[in-house]
C-alpha cells in the first residue's frame, strides 16, 4: 500500500522519495469533478432531471444553478485543441520507452538507422 508525502506518510512501494509531477493539474476536490460531470452531461443533451438524479440532488434547481455550466464555442474549440495535442503527445510517448528508444511492441519504426 502506498500514500503520498503530503500527510507525512511514507511512499512504501518505492525506493525513492515521492515527488509530485507538476505537469499534471492539481486536484481541487469533488465539487469540480461533479460540476464537470453535470456540465458535460448537459452538453451531451441529457435532461436536467436525469443529471439531478445522477448527482443525487434533491432539487433540480440546485443542479441547474451550481452544477451545469454552459460552454460557449470558443471554450469548446480551445478544449478540443488541448485534447488533440494531449492525445498526439501521449500517442508519441507510448511508442518510446523511458530511454526514448522505440518500444518494439509498438509497431513503430526507428527515426534513423545510423
PDB file of N, CA and C in Angstrom:
ATOM      1  N   UNK A   1       0.851  -1.179   0.000  1.00  0.00           N
ATOM      2  CA  UNK A   1       0.000   0.000   0.000  1.00  0.00           C
ATOM      3  C   UNK A   1       0.895   1.240   0.000  1.00  0.00           C
ATOM      4  N   UNK A   2       0.486   2.268  -0.747  1.00  0.00           N
ATOM      5  CA  UNK A   2       1.281   3.485  -0.789  1.00  0.00           C
ATOM      6  C   UNK A   2       0.405   4.681  -0.489  1.00  0.00           C
ATOM      7  N   UNK A   3       1.047   5.744  -0.141  1.00  0.00           N
ATOM      8  CA  UNK A   3       0.359   7.020   0.066  1.00  0.00           C
ATOM      9  C   UNK A   3       1.351   8.113  -0.270  1.00  0.00           C
ATOM     10  N   UNK A   4       0.861   9.325  -0.371  1.00  0.00           N
ATOM     11  CA  UNK A   4       1.783  10.401  -0.747  1.00  0.00           C
ATOM     12  C   UNK A   4       2.339  11.109   0.476  1.00  0.00           C
ATOM     13  N   UNK A   5       3.329  11.940   0.250  1.00  0.00           N
ATOM     14  CA  UNK A   5       4.052  12.618   1.322  1.00  0.00           C
ATOM     15  C   UNK A   5       3.318  13.807   1.914  1.00  0.00           C
ATOM     16  N   UNK A   6       2.218  14.257   1.308  1.00  0.00           N
ATOM     17  CA  UNK A   6       1.531  15.441   1.823  1.00  0.00           C
ATOM     18  C   UNK A   6       1.099  15.255   3.268  1.00  0.00           C
ATOM     19  N   UNK A   7       0.848  14.029   3.670  1.00  0.00           N
ATOM     20  CA  UNK A   7       0.354  13.767   5.011  1.00  0.00           C
ATOM     21  C   UNK A   7       1.442  13.157   5.904  1.00  0.00           C
ATOM     22  N   UNK A   8       2.693  13.210   5.454  1.00  0.00           N
ATOM     23  CA  UNK A   8       3.796  12.719   6.250  1.00  0.00           C
ATOM     24  C   UNK A   8       3.917  11.210   6.294  1.00  0.00           C
ATOM     25  N   UNK A   9       3.184  10.505   5.429  1.00  0.00           N
ATOM     26  CA  UNK A   9       3.240   9.054   5.403  1.00  0.00           C
ATOM     27  C   UNK A   9       4.273   8.606   4.366  1.00  0.00           C
ATOM     28  N   UNK A  10       4.904   7.486   4.597  1.00  0.00           N
ATOM     29  CA  UNK A  10       5.926   7.021   3.654  1.00  0.00           C
ATOM     30  C   UNK A  10       5.318   6.510   2.348  1.00  0.00           C
ATOM     31  N   UNK A  11       6.104   6.572   1.317  1.00  0.00           N
ATOM     32  CA  UNK A  11       5.756   6.038   0.000  1.00  0.00           C
ATOM     33  C   UNK A  11       6.322   4.622  -0.022  1.00  0.00           C
ATOM     34  N   UNK A  12       5.569   3.656   0.485  1.00  0.00           N
ATOM     35  CA  UNK A  12       6.093   2.359   0.866  1.00  0.00           C
ATOM     36  C   UNK A  12       6.593   1.481  -0.283  1.00  0.00           C
ATOM     37  N   UNK A  13       5.980   1.524  -1.457  1.00  0.00           N
ATOM     38  CA  UNK A  13       6.359   0.614  -2.530  1.00  0.00           C
ATOM     39  C   UNK A  13       7.494   1.137  -3.398  1.00  0.00           C
ATOM     40  N   UNK A  14       8.025   2.271  -3.097  1.00  0.00           N
ATOM     41  CA  UNK A  14       9.066   2.850  -3.938  1.00  0.00           C
ATOM     42  C   UNK A  14      10.371   2.958  -3.171  1.00  0.00           C
ATOM     43  N   UNK A  15      11.452   2.933  -3.933  1.00  0.00           N
ATOM     44  CA  UNK A  15      12.763   3.077  -3.310  1.00  0.00           C
ATOM     45  C   UNK A  15      13.275   4.507  -3.470  1.00  0.00           C
ATOM     46  N   UNK A  16      12.340   5.454  -3.639  1.00  0.00           N
ATOM     47  CA  UNK A  16      12.688   6.861  -3.788  1.00  0.00           C
ATOM     48  C   UNK A  16      11.642   7.713  -3.078  1.00  0.00           C
ATOM     49  N   UNK A  17      12.013   8.956  -2.808  1.00  0.00           N
ATOM     50  CA  UNK A  17      11.088   9.888  -2.179  1.00  0.00           C
ATOM     51  C   UNK A  17      10.016  10.290  -3.200  1.00  0.00           C
ATOM     52  N   UNK A  18       8.777  10.366  -2.757  1.00  0.00           N
ATOM     53  CA  UNK A  18       7.673  10.766  -3.632  1.00  0.00           C
ATOM     54  C   UNK A  18       7.840  12.214  -4.079  1.00  0.00           C
ATOM     55  N   UNK A  19       7.710  12.458  -5.377  1.00  0.00           N
ATOM     56  CA  UNK A  19       7.697  13.813  -5.914  1.00  0.00           C
ATOM     57  C   UNK A  19       6.515  13.940  -6.855  1.00  0.00           C
ATOM     58  N   UNK A  20       5.668  14.916  -6.610  1.00  0.00           N
ATOM     59  CA  UNK A  20       4.503  15.145  -7.448  1.00  0.00           C
ATOM     60  C   UNK A  20       4.937  15.682  -8.808  1.00  0.00           C
ATOM     61  N   UNK A  21       4.321  15.179  -9.880  1.00  0.00           N
ATOM     62  CA  UNK A  21       4.597  15.658 -11.237  1.00  0.00           C
ATOM     63  C   UNK A  21       3.829  16.958 -11.433  1.00  0.00           C
ATOM     64  N   UNK A  22       4.533  18.086 -11.455  1.00  0.00           N
ATOM     65  CA  UNK A  22       3.890  19.400 -11.552  1.00  0.00           C
ATOM     66  C   UNK A  22       3.292  19.676 -12.914  1.00  0.00           C
ATOM     67  N   UNK A  23       3.547  18.804 -13.906  1.00  0.00           N
ATOM     68  CA  UNK A  23       2.916  18.986 -15.217  1.00  0.00           C
ATOM     69  C   UNK A  23       1.439  18.606 -15.171  1.00  0.00           C
ATOM     70  N   UNK A  24       1.062  17.804 -14.197  1.00  0.00           N
ATOM     71  CA  UNK A  24      -0.325  17.348 -14.062  1.00  0.00           C
ATOM     72  C   UNK A  24      -1.072  18.352 -13.197  1.00  0.00           C
ATOM     73  N   UNK A  25      -2.247  18.807 -13.664  1.00  0.00           N
ATOM     74  CA  UNK A  25      -3.002  19.776 -12.850  1.00  0.00           C
ATOM     75  C   UNK A  25      -3.332  19.214 -11.470  1.00  0.00           C
ATOM     76  N   UNK A  26      -3.287  20.071 -10.484  1.00  0.00           N
ATOM     77  CA  UNK A  26      -3.575  19.646  -9.116  1.00  0.00           C
ATOM     78  C   UNK A  26      -5.074  19.466  -8.935  1.00  0.00           C
ATOM     79  N   UNK A  27      -5.454  18.421  -8.223  1.00  0.00           N
ATOM     80  CA  UNK A  27      -6.854  18.110  -7.961  1.00  0.00           C
ATOM     81  C   UNK A  27      -7.420  19.131  -6.987  1.00  0.00           C
ATOM     82  N   UNK A  28      -8.613  19.644  -7.282  1.00  0.00           N
ATOM     83  CA  UNK A  28      -9.215  20.656  -6.419  1.00  0.00           C
ATOM     84  C   UNK A  28     -10.517  20.203  -5.784  1.00  0.00           C
ATOM     85  N   UNK A  29     -10.774  18.919  -5.731  1.00  0.00           N
ATOM     86  CA  UNK A  29     -11.907  18.420  -4.983  1.00  0.00           C
ATOM     87  C   UNK A  29     -13.042  17.854  -5.819  1.00  0.00           C
ATOM     88  N   UNK A  30     -13.958  17.227  -5.110  1.00  0.00           N
ATOM     89  CA  UNK A  30     -15.079  16.550  -5.754  1.00  0.00           C
ATOM     90  C   UNK A  30     -16.065  17.518  -6.393  1.00  0.00           C
ATOM     91  N   UNK A  31     -16.202  18.714  -5.873  1.00  0.00           N
ATOM     92  CA  UNK A  31     -17.163  19.659  -6.456  1.00  0.00           C
ATOM     93  C   UNK A  31     -16.809  19.941  -7.914  1.00  0.00           C
ATOM     94  N   UNK A  32     -15.532  20.144  -8.197  1.00  0.00           N
ATOM     95  CA  UNK A  32     -15.107  20.406  -9.578  1.00  0.00           C
ATOM     96  C   UNK A  32     -15.411  19.206 -10.469  1.00  0.00           C
ATOM     97  N   UNK A  33     -15.186  18.016  -9.950  1.00  0.00           N
ATOM     98  CA  UNK A  33     -15.481  16.808 -10.719  1.00  0.00           C
ATOM     99  C   UNK A  33     -16.983  16.696 -11.001  1.00  0.00           C
ATOM    100  N   UNK A  34     -17.792  16.899  -9.977  1.00  0.00           N
ATOM    101  CA  UNK A  34     -19.244  16.798 -10.137  1.00  0.00           C
ATOM    102  C   UNK A  34     -19.782  17.893 -11.067  1.00  0.00           C
ATOM    103  N   UNK A  35     -19.241  19.098 -10.953  1.00  0.00           N
ATOM    104  CA  UNK A  35     -19.672  20.188 -11.833  1.00  0.00           C
ATOM    105  C   UNK A  35     -19.287  19.884 -13.278  1.00  0.00           C
ATOM    106  N   UNK A  36     -18.091  19.338 -13.476  1.00  0.00           N
ATOM    107  CA  UNK A  36     -17.673  18.944 -14.819  1.00  0.00           C
ATOM    108  C   UNK A  36     -18.573  17.857 -15.377  1.00  0.00           C
ATOM    109  N   UNK A  37     -18.920  16.889 -14.551  1.00  0.00           N
ATOM    110  CA  UNK A  37     -19.822  15.818 -14.993  1.00  0.00           C
ATOM    111  C   UNK A  37     -21.183  16.388 -15.366  1.00  0.00           C
ATOM    112  N   UNK A  38     -21.739  17.231 -14.509  1.00  0.00           N
ATOM    113  CA  UNK A  38     -23.047  17.832 -14.798  1.00  0.00           C
ATOM    114  C   UNK A  38     -23.024  18.651 -16.076  1.00  0.00           C
ATOM    115  N   UNK A  39     -21.983  19.446 -16.258  1.00  0.00           N
ATOM    116  CA  UNK A  39     -21.868  20.291 -17.451  1.00  0.00           C
ATOM    117  C   UNK A  39     -21.715  19.454 -18.718  1.00  0.00           C
ATOM    118  N   UNK A  40     -20.889  18.400 -18.643  1.00  0.00           N
ATOM    119  CA  UNK A  40     -20.685  17.555 -19.819  1.00  0.00           C
ATOM    120  C   UNK A  40     -21.933  16.753 -20.165  1.00  0.00           C
ATOM    121  N   UNK A  41     -22.637  16.255 -19.162  1.00  0.00           N
ATOM    122  CA  UNK A  41     -23.887  15.544 -19.440  1.00  0.00           C
ATOM    123  C   UNK A  41     -24.893  16.478 -20.104  1.00  0.00           C
ATOM    124  N   UNK A  42     -24.969  17.719 -19.626  1.00  0.00           N
ATOM    125  CA  UNK A  42     -25.866  18.710 -20.212  1.00  0.00           C
ATOM    126  C   UNK A  42     -25.491  18.985 -21.663  1.00  0.00           C
ATOM    127  N   UNK A  43     -24.191  19.125 -21.916  1.00  0.00           N
ATOM    128  CA  UNK A  43     -23.707  19.384 -23.276  1.00  0.00           C
ATOM    129  C   UNK A  43     -24.042  18.223 -24.202  1.00  0.00           C
ATOM    130  N   UNK A  44     -24.076  17.008 -23.659  1.00  0.00           N
ATOM    131  CA  UNK A  44     -24.398  15.826 -24.462  1.00  0.00           C
ATOM    132  C   UNK A  44     -25.904  15.651 -24.661  1.00  0.00           C
ATOM    133  N   UNK A  45     -26.687  16.540 -24.070  1.00  0.00           N
ATOM    134  CA  UNK A  45     -28.135  16.511 -24.295  1.00  0.00           C
ATOM    135  C   UNK A  45     -28.929  15.740 -23.258  1.00  0.00           C
ATOM    136  N   UNK A  46     -28.293  15.358 -22.151  1.00  0.00           N
ATOM    137  CA  UNK A  46     -29.008  14.641 -21.089  1.00  0.00           C
ATOM    138  C   UNK A  46     -29.931  15.626 -20.377  1.00  0.00           C
ATOM    139  N   UNK A  47     -31.157  15.200 -20.134  1.00  0.00           N
ATOM    140  CA  UNK A  47     -32.149  16.045 -19.474  1.00  0.00           C
ATOM    141  C   UNK A  47     -31.679  16.433 -18.069  1.00  0.00           C
ATOM    142  N   UNK A  48     -31.970  17.681 -17.674  1.00  0.00           N
ATOM    143  CA  UNK A  48     -31.531  18.194 -16.374  1.00  0.00           C
ATOM    144  C   UNK A  48     -32.028  17.336 -15.212  1.00  0.00           C
ATOM    145  N   UNK A  49     -33.238  16.781 -15.320  1.00  0.00           N
ATOM    146  CA  UNK A  49     -33.767  15.958 -14.228  1.00  0.00           C
ATOM    147  C   UNK A  49     -32.984  14.647 -14.093  1.00  0.00           C
ATOM    148  N   UNK A  50     -32.457  14.141 -15.193  1.00  0.00           N
ATOM    149  CA  UNK A  50     -31.627  12.932 -15.145  1.00  0.00           C
ATOM    150  C   UNK A  50     -30.274  13.275 -14.508  1.00  0.00           C
ATOM    151  N   UNK A  51     -29.712  14.432 -14.879  1.00  0.00           N
ATOM    152  CA  UNK A  51     -28.453  14.879 -14.275  1.00  0.00           C
ATOM    153  C   UNK A  51     -28.646  15.053 -12.768  1.00  0.00           C
ATOM    154  N   UNK A  52     -29.782  15.614 -12.381  1.00  0.00           N
ATOM    155  CA  UNK A  52     -30.105  15.785 -10.965  1.00  0.00           C
ATOM    156  C   UNK A  52     -30.055  14.439 -10.241  1.00  0.00           C
ATOM    157  N   UNK A  53     -30.634  13.421 -10.845  1.00  0.00           N
ATOM    158  CA  UNK A  53     -30.665  12.102 -10.204  1.00  0.00           C
ATOM    159  C   UNK A  53     -29.269  11.481 -10.164  1.00  0.00           C
ATOM    160  N   UNK A  54     -28.487  11.657 -11.230  1.00  0.00           N
ATOM    161  CA  UNK A  54     -27.120  11.119 -11.245  1.00  0.00           C
ATOM    162  C   UNK A  54     -26.298  11.749 -10.123  1.00  0.00           C
ATOM    163  N   UNK A  55     -26.427  13.074  -9.963  1.00  0.00           N
ATOM    164  CA  UNK A  55     -25.669  13.782  -8.932  1.00  0.00           C
ATOM    165  C   UNK A  55     -26.326  13.695  -7.558  1.00  0.00           C
ATOM    166  N   UNK A  56     -27.500  13.063  -7.496  1.00  0.00           N
ATOM    167  CA  UNK A  56     -28.239  12.818  -6.255  1.00  0.00           C
ATOM    168  C   UNK A  56     -28.617  14.110  -5.527  1.00  0.00           C
ATOM    169  N   UNK A  57     -29.094  15.088  -6.306  1.00  0.00           N
ATOM    170  CA  UNK A  57     -29.598  16.323  -5.711  1.00  0.00           C
ATOM    171  C   UNK A  57     -31.078  16.156  -5.416  1.00  0.00           C
ATOM    172  N   UNK A  58     -31.557  16.771  -4.344  1.00  0.00           N
ATOM    173  CA  UNK A  58     -32.970  16.683  -4.003  1.00  0.00           C
ATOM    174  C   UNK A  58     -33.820  17.628  -4.850  1.00  0.00           C
ATOM    175  N   UNK A  59     -33.182  18.627  -5.472  1.00  0.00           N
ATOM    176  CA  UNK A  59     -33.915  19.640  -6.214  1.00  0.00           C
ATOM    177  C   UNK A  59     -33.172  19.939  -7.519  1.00  0.00           C
ATOM    178  N   UNK A  60     -33.882  19.935  -8.638  1.00  0.00           N
ATOM    179  CA  UNK A  60     -33.258  20.180  -9.940  1.00  0.00           C
ATOM    180  C   UNK A  60     -32.692  21.598 -10.028  1.00  0.00           C
ATOM    181  N   UNK A  61     -33.239  22.538  -9.243  1.00  0.00           N
ATOM    182  CA  UNK A  61     -32.725  23.912  -9.260  1.00  0.00           C
ATOM    183  C   UNK A  61     -31.274  23.992  -8.786  1.00  0.00           C
ATOM    184  N   UNK A  62     -30.905  23.140  -7.818  1.00  0.00           N
ATOM    185  CA  UNK A  62     -29.514  23.094  -7.352  1.00  0.00           C
ATOM    186  C   UNK A  62     -28.620  22.640  -8.502  1.00  0.00           C
ATOM    187  N   UNK A  63     -29.050  21.607  -9.207  1.00  0.00           N
ATOM    188  CA  UNK A  63     -28.285  21.078 -10.343  1.00  0.00           C
ATOM    189  C   UNK A  63     -28.101  22.158 -11.401  1.00  0.00           C
ATOM    190  N   UNK A  64     -29.183  22.828 -11.752  1.00  0.00           N
ATOM    191  CA  UNK A  64     -29.128  23.844 -12.803  1.00  0.00           C
ATOM    192  C   UNK A  64     -28.319  25.064 -12.374  1.00  0.00           C
ATOM    193  N   UNK A  65     -28.419  25.460 -11.118  1.00  0.00           N
ATOM    194  CA  UNK A  65     -27.752  26.679 -10.657  1.00  0.00           C
ATOM    195  C   UNK A  65     -26.258  26.511 -10.417  1.00  0.00           C
ATOM    196  N   UNK A  66     -25.851  25.338  -9.909  1.00  0.00           N
ATOM    197  CA  UNK A  66     -24.468  25.188  -9.453  1.00  0.00           C
ATOM    198  C   UNK A  66     -23.662  24.111 -10.181  1.00  0.00           C
ATOM    199  N   UNK A  67     -24.314  23.206 -10.898  1.00  0.00           N
ATOM    200  CA  UNK A  67     -23.595  22.077 -11.473  1.00  0.00           C
ATOM    201  C   UNK A  67     -23.648  22.007 -12.992  1.00  0.00           C
ATOM    202  N   UNK A  68     -24.403  22.861 -13.617  1.00  0.00           N
ATOM    203  CA  UNK A  68     -24.434  22.904 -15.083  1.00  0.00           C
ATOM    204  C   UNK A  68     -23.911  24.268 -15.513  1.00  0.00           C
ATOM    205  N   UNK A  69     -22.726  24.259 -16.092  1.00  0.00           N
ATOM    206  CA  UNK A  69     -22.100  25.488 -16.569  1.00  0.00           C
ATOM    207  C   UNK A  69     -22.009  25.408 -18.087  1.00  0.00           C
ATOM    208  N   UNK A  70     -22.820  26.190 -18.798  1.00  0.00           N
ATOM    209  CA  UNK A  70     -22.774  26.128 -20.266  1.00  0.00           C
ATOM    210  C   UNK A  70     -21.416  26.595 -20.788  1.00  0.00           C
ATOM    211  N   UNK A  71     -21.031  26.030 -21.917  1.00  0.00           N
ATOM    212  CA  UNK A  71     -19.734  26.336 -22.506  1.00  0.00           C
ATOM    213  C   UNK A  71     -19.962  26.960 -23.882  1.00  0.00           C
ATOM    214  N   UNK A  72     -19.346  28.115 -24.136  1.00  0.00           N
ATOM    215  CA  UNK A  72     -19.503  28.722 -25.448  1.00  0.00           C
ATOM    216  C   UNK A  72     -18.559  28.056 -26.454  1.00  0.00           C
ATOM    217  N   UNK A  73     -18.756  28.341 -27.732  1.00  0.00           N
ATOM    218  CA  UNK A  73     -17.995  27.682 -28.791  1.00  0.00           C
ATOM    219  C   UNK A  73     -16.492  27.941 -28.704  1.00  0.00           C
ATOM    220  N   UNK A  74     -16.089  29.129 -28.300  1.00  0.00           N
ATOM    221  CA  UNK A  74     -14.654  29.419 -28.203  1.00  0.00           C
ATOM    222  C   UNK A  74     -13.982  28.527 -27.168  1.00  0.00           C
ATOM    223  N   UNK A  75     -14.634  28.346 -26.042  1.00  0.00           N
ATOM    224  CA  UNK A  75     -14.081  27.487 -24.996  1.00  0.00           C
ATOM    225  C   UNK A  75     -14.037  26.042 -25.481  1.00  0.00           C
ATOM    226  N   UNK A  76     -15.106  25.589 -26.110  1.00  0.00           N
ATOM    227  CA  UNK A  76     -15.170  24.215 -26.608  1.00  0.00           C
ATOM    228  C   UNK A  76     -14.066  23.962 -27.626  1.00  0.00           C
ATOM    229  N   UNK A  77     -13.872  24.876 -28.568  1.00  0.00           N
ATOM    230  CA  UNK A  77     -12.845  24.722 -29.602  1.00  0.00           C
ATOM    231  C   UNK A  77     -11.455  24.696 -28.967  1.00  0.00           C
ATOM    232  N   UNK A  78     -11.218  25.567 -28.002  1.00  0.00           N
ATOM    233  CA  UNK A  78      -9.921  25.596 -27.319  1.00  0.00           C
ATOM    234  C   UNK A  78      -9.666  24.281 -26.590  1.00  0.00           C
ATOM    235  N   UNK A  79     -10.674  23.757 -25.913  1.00  0.00           N
ATOM    236  CA  UNK A  79     -10.502  22.499 -25.187  1.00  0.00           C
ATOM    237  C   UNK A  79     -10.309  21.323 -26.140  1.00  0.00           C
ATOM    238  N   UNK A  80     -10.933  21.351 -27.304  1.00  0.00           N
ATOM    239  CA  UNK A  80     -10.711  20.306 -28.302  1.00  0.00           C
ATOM    240  C   UNK A  80      -9.268  20.333 -28.792  1.00  0.00           C
ATOM    241  N   UNK A  81      -8.700  21.533 -28.933  1.00  0.00           N
ATOM    242  CA  UNK A  81      -7.290  21.662 -29.337  1.00  0.00           C
ATOM    243  C   UNK A  81      -6.379  21.087 -28.260  1.00  0.00           C
ATOM    244  N   UNK A  82      -6.681  21.382 -27.000  1.00  0.00           N
ATOM    245  CA  UNK A  82      -5.887  20.841 -25.896  1.00  0.00           C
ATOM    246  C   UNK A  82      -5.966  19.309 -25.897  1.00  0.00           C
ATOM    247  N   UNK A  83      -7.164  18.779 -26.074  1.00  0.00           N
ATOM    248  CA  UNK A  83      -7.337  17.326 -26.083  1.00  0.00           C
ATOM    249  C   UNK A  83      -6.581  16.686 -27.245  1.00  0.00           C
ATOM    250  N   UNK A  84      -6.636  17.291 -28.424  1.00  0.00           N
ATOM    251  CA  UNK A  84      -5.928  16.747 -29.588  1.00  0.00           C
ATOM    252  C   UNK A  84      -4.420  16.784 -29.364  1.00  0.00           C
ATOM    253  N   UNK A  85      -3.916  17.880 -28.800  1.00  0.00           N
ATOM    254  CA  UNK A  85      -2.486  17.990 -28.514  1.00  0.00           C
ATOM    255  C   UNK A  85      -2.067  16.939 -27.488  1.00  0.00           C
ATOM    256  N   UNK A  86      -2.866  16.779 -26.461  1.00  0.00           N
ATOM    257  CA  UNK A  86      -2.572  15.779 -25.433  1.00  0.00           C
ATOM    258  C   UNK A  86      -2.564  14.381 -26.036  1.00  0.00           C
ATOM    259  N   UNK A  87      -3.570  14.068 -26.863  1.00  0.00           N
ATOM    260  CA  UNK A  87      -3.637  12.749 -27.498  1.00  0.00           C
ATOM    261  C   UNK A  87      -2.420  12.494 -28.372  1.00  0.00           C
ATOM    262  N   UNK A  88      -2.004  13.505 -29.145  1.00  0.00           N
ATOM    263  CA  UNK A  88      -0.849  13.351 -30.025  1.00  0.00           C
ATOM    264  C   UNK A  88       0.422  13.107 -29.212  1.00  0.00           C
ATOM    265  N   UNK A  89       0.613  13.866 -28.147  1.00  0.00           N
ATOM    266  CA  UNK A  89       1.815  13.707 -27.325  1.00  0.00           C
ATOM    267  C   UNK A  89       1.792  12.386 -26.569  1.00  0.00           C
ATOM    268  N   UNK A  90       0.631  11.979 -26.111  1.00  0.00           N
ATOM    269  CA  UNK A  90       0.515  10.711 -25.395  1.00  0.00           C
ATOM    270  C   UNK A  90       0.793   9.547 -26.340  1.00  0.00           C
ATOM    271  N   UNK A  91       0.264   9.615 -27.562  1.00  0.00           N
ATOM    272  CA  UNK A  91       0.499   8.550 -28.539  1.00  0.00           C
ATOM    273  C   UNK A  91       1.970   8.465 -28.898  1.00  0.00           C
ATOM    274  N   UNK A  92       2.617   9.601 -29.095  1.00  0.00           N
ATOM    275  CA  UNK A  92       4.042   9.604 -29.428  1.00  0.00           C
ATOM    276  C   UNK A  92       4.865   9.061 -28.270  1.00  0.00           C
ATOM    277  N   UNK A  93       4.494   9.396 -27.053  1.00  0.00           N
ATOM    278  CA  UNK A  93       5.226   8.932 -25.883  1.00  0.00           C
ATOM    279  C   UNK A  93       5.058   7.428 -25.698  1.00  0.00           C
ATOM    280  N   UNK A  94       3.887   6.894 -26.032  1.00  0.00           N
ATOM    281  CA  UNK A  94       3.638   5.464 -25.869  1.00  0.00           C
ATOM    282  C   UNK A  94       4.503   4.625 -26.801  1.00  0.00           C
ATOM    283  N   UNK A  95       4.992   5.213 -27.887  1.00  0.00           N
ATOM    284  CA  UNK A  95       5.819   4.484 -28.837  1.00  0.00           C
ATOM    285  C   UNK A  95       7.254   4.326 -28.350  1.00  0.00           C
ATOM    286  N   UNK A  96       7.637   5.071 -27.328  1.00  0.00           N
ATOM    287  CA  UNK A  96       9.023   5.036 -26.845  1.00  0.00           C
ATOM    288  C   UNK A  96       9.068   4.641 -25.379  1.00  0.00           C
ATOM    289  N   UNK A  97      10.160   4.025 -24.980  1.00  0.00           N
ATOM    290  CA  UNK A  97      10.318   3.688 -23.573  1.00  0.00           C
ATOM    291  C   UNK A  97      10.998   4.844 -22.838  1.00  0.00           C
ATOM    292  N   UNK A  98      11.385   4.633 -21.598  1.00  0.00           N
ATOM    293  CA  UNK A  98      11.942   5.720 -20.796  1.00  0.00           C
ATOM    294  C   UNK A  98      13.293   6.211 -21.318  1.00  0.00           C
ATOM    295  N   UNK A  99      13.985   5.404 -22.115  1.00  0.00           N
ATOM    296  CA  UNK A  99      15.262   5.837 -22.696  1.00  0.00           C
ATOM    297  C   UNK A  99      15.065   6.496 -24.058  1.00  0.00           C
ATOM    298  N   UNK A 100      13.811   6.733 -24.435  1.00  0.00           N
ATOM    299  CA  UNK A 100      13.419   7.348 -25.704  1.00  0.00           C
ATOM    300  C   UNK A 100      13.782   6.469 -26.899  1.00  0.00           C
ATOM    301  N   UNK A 101      13.940   5.158 -26.651  1.00  0.00           N
ATOM    302  CA  UNK A 101      14.140   4.226 -27.750  1.00  0.00           C
ATOM    303  C   UNK A 101      12.783   3.681 -28.151  1.00  0.00           C
ATOM    304  N   UNK A 102      12.686   3.211 -29.378  1.00  0.00           N
ATOM    305  CA  UNK A 102      11.407   2.721 -29.872  1.00  0.00           C
ATOM    306  C   UNK A 102      11.018   1.463 -29.119  1.00  0.00           C
ATOM    307  N   UNK A 103       9.799   1.420 -28.658  1.00  0.00           N
ATOM    308  CA  UNK A 103       9.260   0.246 -27.998  1.00  0.00           C
ATOM    309  C   UNK A 103       9.000  -0.817 -29.064  1.00  0.00           C
ATOM    310  N   UNK A 104       9.624  -1.996 -28.983  1.00  0.00           N
ATOM    311  CA  UNK A 104       9.475  -2.996 -30.039  1.00  0.00           C
ATOM    312  C   UNK A 104       8.040  -3.495 -30.203  1.00  0.00           C
ATOM    313  N   UNK A 105       7.230  -3.411 -29.153  1.00  0.00           N
ATOM    314  CA  UNK A 105       5.843  -3.871 -29.240  1.00  0.00           C
ATOM    315  C   UNK A 105       4.905  -2.837 -29.845  1.00  0.00           C
ATOM    316  N   UNK A 106       5.408  -1.624 -30.108  1.00  0.00           N
ATOM    317  CA  UNK A 106       4.529  -0.547 -30.577  1.00  0.00           C
ATOM    318  C   UNK A 106       4.270  -0.603 -32.072  1.00  0.00           C
ATOM    319  N   UNK A 107       5.135  -1.283 -32.831  1.00  0.00           N
ATOM    320  CA  UNK A 107       4.989  -1.310 -34.280  1.00  0.00           C
ATOM    321  C   UNK A 107       5.618  -0.107 -34.952  1.00  0.00           C
ATOM    322  N   UNK A 108       6.223   0.794 -34.174  1.00  0.00           N
ATOM    323  CA  UNK A 108       6.844   1.988 -34.732  1.00  0.00           C
ATOM    324  C   UNK A 108       8.203   1.649 -35.311  1.00  0.00           C
ATOM    325  N   UNK A 109       8.626   2.449 -36.262  1.00  0.00           N
ATOM    326  CA  UNK A 109       9.939   2.269 -36.878  1.00  0.00           C
ATOM    327  C   UNK A 109      10.898   3.318 -36.317  1.00  0.00           C
ATOM    328  N   UNK A 110      12.179   2.982 -36.172  1.00  0.00           N
ATOM    329  CA  UNK A 110      13.139   3.979 -35.714  1.00  0.00           C
ATOM    330  C   UNK A 110      13.216   5.147 -36.683  1.00  0.00           C
ATOM    331  N   UNK A 111      13.560   6.345 -36.153  1.00  0.00           N
ATOM    332  CA  UNK A 111      13.636   7.535 -36.998  1.00  0.00           C
ATOM    333  C   UNK A 111      14.832   7.486 -37.946  1.00  0.00           C
ATOM    334  N   UNK A 112      15.926   6.850 -37.530  1.00  0.00           N
ATOM    335  CA  UNK A 112      17.093   6.713 -38.405  1.00  0.00           C
ATOM    336  C   UNK A 112      17.732   5.363 -38.142  1.00  0.00           C
ATOM    337  N   UNK A 113      18.563   4.921 -39.076  1.00  0.00           N
ATOM    338  CA  UNK A 113      19.179   3.611 -38.939  1.00  0.00           C
ATOM    339  C   UNK A 113      20.684   3.745 -38.722  1.00  0.00           C
ATOM    340  N   UNK A 114      21.200   4.930 -38.570  1.00  0.00           N
ATOM    341  CA  UNK A 114      22.656   5.131 -38.419  1.00  0.00           C
ATOM    342  C   UNK A 114      23.143   4.659 -37.107  1.00  0.00           C
TER     343      UNK A 114
END
